[in-house]
Amino acid sequence: MSVFSRHRRLAVTSAGAVLLGVMLPAASAGAASAAPASVTSIEVNTVTVPGATEWYDTKLHVSPGLLAMTASGTIAIGNGTSWGPAGNPSCIGGPGSAVVGITCDALVGRIGTNGTPFKVGKEAVIPVTRSGELYLSINDTYFPDNSGSFHVIVIRVH
């Protein structure tokens, strides 16, 4: 079994646990949940996000529902430091970053070319309210001097 397929199984299991953690507590408390009223499909895809690309088009169309992602890998930025998908914990992105106010060099996403960017980091569950292509990026201000990539498992629940 390859390392990536082993990682993929672990990531899918982790993302599934995250999804259940979001869906079950709200449902058991009788509260309104971000989860769809009924699940009609679950799709699992893997994408590799290059560190030198500002907004990488995953070619994955998302529609209202839940989006769960887990990520691994490292990005080396221009000053020679390397970070995982959670980014540099001692740096907060400022003007020019994809998402101001979150960790520098973290994995971020948006839905559509003009969507509001959000933090993904190592893992995230995002309630999706609009349809569009999923774009992923690094919370950085300059991309040509980056190298490496993040490997992302994307689970779409409709």
Protein backbone atom coordinates (compact mmCIF):
# COMPACT_ATOMS: atom_id res chain seq x y z
CA MET A 1 0.00 0.00 0.00
CA SER A 2 1.43 3.40 -0.94
CA VAL A 3 1.98 6.11 1.65
CA PHE A 4 -0.54 8.34 -0.13
CA SER A 5 -3.27 5.67 -0.10
CA ARG A 6 -2.60 5.02 3.60
CA HIS A 7 -2.73 8.79 4.19
CA ARG A 8 -5.92 9.00 2.14
CA ARG A 9 -7.64 6.34 4.25
CA LEU A 10 -6.58 8.08 7.47
CA ALA A 11 -7.65 11.47 6.14
CA VAL A 12 -11.05 10.20 4.99
CA THR A 13 -11.57 8.58 8.38
CA SER A 14 -10.53 11.80 10.11
CA ALA A 15 -12.76 13.96 7.91
CA GLY A 16 -15.67 11.59 8.48
CA ALA A 17 -15.17 11.86 12.22
CA VAL A 18 -15.04 15.66 11.95
CA LEU A 19 -18.27 15.64 9.92
CA LEU A 20 -19.99 13.41 12.45
CA GLY A 21 -18.73 15.63 15.25
CA VAL A 22 -20.40 18.61 13.58
CA MET A 23 -23.61 16.88 12.54
CA LEU A 24 -24.45 14.66 15.51
CA PRO A 25 -24.12 17.05 18.48
CA ALA A 26 -26.35 19.66 16.84
CA ALA A 27 -28.92 17.05 15.86
CA SER A 28 -28.94 15.42 19.30
CA ALA A 29 -29.37 18.80 20.99
CA GLY A 30 -32.34 19.54 18.77
CA ALA A 31 -30.57 22.65 17.47
CA ALA A 32 -30.52 23.82 13.90
CA SER A 33 -27.52 22.28 12.20
CA ALA A 34 -25.30 23.39 9.33
CA ALA A 35 -25.70 19.87 7.96
CA PRO A 36 -28.10 19.25 5.11
CA ALA A 37 -31.57 18.02 6.14
CA SER A 38 -30.87 14.80 4.25
CA VAL A 39 -27.68 13.57 2.65
CA THR A 40 -28.16 12.67 -0.99
CA SER A 41 -24.51 12.17 -1.94
CA ILE A 42 -21.00 12.09 -0.54
CA GLU A 43 -18.07 12.60 -2.90
CA VAL A 44 -14.40 12.14 -1.98
CA ASN A 45 -11.60 13.63 -4.08
CA THR A 46 -7.90 14.30 -3.63
CA VAL A 47 -6.10 17.36 -4.94
CA THR A 48 -2.51 18.55 -4.82
CA VAL A 49 -2.18 22.30 -4.24
CA PRO A 50 1.13 23.70 -5.52
CA GLY A 51 2.72 26.27 -3.22
CA ALA A 52 3.69 28.56 -6.11
CA THR A 53 0.11 29.03 -7.35
CA GLU A 54 -1.91 31.91 -5.91
CA TRP A 55 -5.39 30.36 -6.31
CA TYR A 56 -5.41 26.75 -7.51
CA ASP A 57 -8.61 25.71 -9.31
CA THR A 58 -9.36 22.23 -7.96
CA LYS A 59 -11.88 21.63 -10.80
CA LEU A 60 -14.30 20.50 -8.07
CA HIS A 61 -17.77 22.02 -8.20
CA VAL A 62 -19.37 22.43 -4.79
CA SER A 63 -23.01 23.14 -4.03
CA PRO A 64 -24.86 23.92 -0.79
CA GLY A 65 -24.14 21.33 1.90
CA LEU A 66 -20.98 20.52 3.84
CA LEU A 67 -17.40 20.49 2.69
CA ALA A 68 -14.80 18.67 4.81
CA MET A 69 -11.09 18.84 4.07
CA THR A 70 -7.95 17.36 5.59
CA ALA A 71 -4.51 18.34 4.37
CA SER A 72 -0.88 17.23 4.65
CA GLY A 73 2.42 18.14 3.01
CA THR A 74 4.74 21.12 3.30
CA ILE A 75 5.29 24.40 1.52
CA ALA A 76 8.70 26.08 1.52
CA ILE A 77 8.32 29.85 1.30
CA GLY A 78 10.82 32.33 -0.11
CA ASN A 79 12.80 32.84 3.09
CA GLY A 80 13.59 29.10 3.24
CA THR A 81 11.22 28.07 6.02
CA SER A 82 8.73 25.25 5.54
CA TRP A 83 5.24 24.93 6.96
CA GLY A 84 2.48 22.38 6.99
CA PRO A 85 -1.15 23.23 6.16
CA ALA A 86 -1.68 24.88 9.58
CA GLY A 87 0.90 27.52 8.58
CA ASN A 88 3.34 29.56 10.64
CA PRO A 89 1.90 29.89 14.18
CA SER A 90 4.02 32.96 14.95
CA CYS A 91 2.71 34.99 12.01
CA ILE A 92 -0.70 36.50 11.23
CA GLY A 93 -1.50 37.45 7.63
CA GLY A 94 -1.78 41.16 6.97
CA PRO A 95 -2.72 43.24 3.93
CA GLY A 96 -2.07 41.36 0.71
CA SER A 97 -2.65 37.93 2.28
CA ALA A 98 -5.47 35.79 0.96
CA VAL A 99 -7.13 35.92 4.41
CA VAL A 100 -6.14 38.81 6.66
CA GLY A 101 -6.03 37.93 10.36
CA ILE A 102 -5.30 34.20 10.15
CA THR A 103 -2.06 32.21 10.26
CA CYS A 104 0.48 33.02 7.52
CA ASP A 105 1.18 30.24 5.01
CA ALA A 106 -1.87 28.19 6.09
CA LEU A 107 -4.05 26.42 3.55
CA VAL A 108 -7.05 28.57 2.62
CA GLY A 109 -9.99 28.21 0.26
CA ARG A 110 -12.80 30.03 -1.45
CA ILE A 111 -15.81 29.07 -3.55
CA GLY A 112 -15.88 30.79 -6.92
CA THR A 113 -13.44 33.36 -8.26
CA ASN A 114 -14.96 36.10 -6.09
CA GLY A 115 -15.91 34.04 -3.01
CA THR A 116 -14.98 35.04 0.51
CA PRO A 117 -11.75 33.24 1.50
CA PHE A 118 -11.78 30.96 4.54
CA LYS A 119 -9.17 29.07 6.55
CA VAL A 120 -8.76 25.35 5.93
CA GLY A 121 -5.51 24.66 7.80
CA LYS A 122 -4.91 21.00 8.60
CA GLU A 123 -8.63 20.21 8.61
CA ALA A 124 -11.90 22.05 8.35
CA VAL A 125 -15.63 21.55 7.91
CA ILE A 126 -17.21 24.37 5.95
CA PRO A 127 -20.98 24.91 5.57
CA VAL A 128 -21.43 25.76 1.89
CA THR A 129 -24.18 28.23 1.04
CA ARG A 130 -23.39 28.92 -2.62
CA SER A 131 -22.42 26.87 -5.65
CA GLY A 132 -19.12 27.27 -7.47
CA GLU A 133 -15.67 25.91 -8.13
CA LEU A 134 -13.44 25.23 -5.12
CA TYR A 135 -10.17 27.18 -5.15
CA LEU A 136 -7.34 26.52 -2.68
CA SER A 137 -4.28 28.63 -1.88
CA ILE A 138 -1.59 29.43 0.66
CA ASN A 139 -2.12 32.43 2.95
CA ASP A 140 0.91 34.23 1.54
CA THR A 141 1.59 37.52 -0.24
CA TYR A 142 4.12 36.35 -2.86
CA PHE A 143 3.92 32.96 -4.60
CA PRO A 144 6.64 32.61 -7.29
CA ASP A 145 9.36 31.81 -4.70
CA ASN A 146 7.32 29.05 -2.98
CA SER A 147 7.88 25.34 -3.55
CA GLY A 148 6.29 22.13 -2.33
CA SER A 149 2.60 21.29 -2.14
CA PHE A 150 -0.29 20.41 0.11
CA HIS A 151 -2.20 17.19 -0.48
CA VAL A 152 -5.87 17.70 0.31
CA ILE A 153 -8.71 15.22 0.73
CA VAL A 154 -11.99 16.96 -0.13
CA ILE A 155 -15.27 15.42 0.99
CA ARG A 156 -18.44 17.01 -0.41
CA VAL A 157 -21.72 16.21 1.33
CA HIS A 158 -24.92 17.24 -0.46
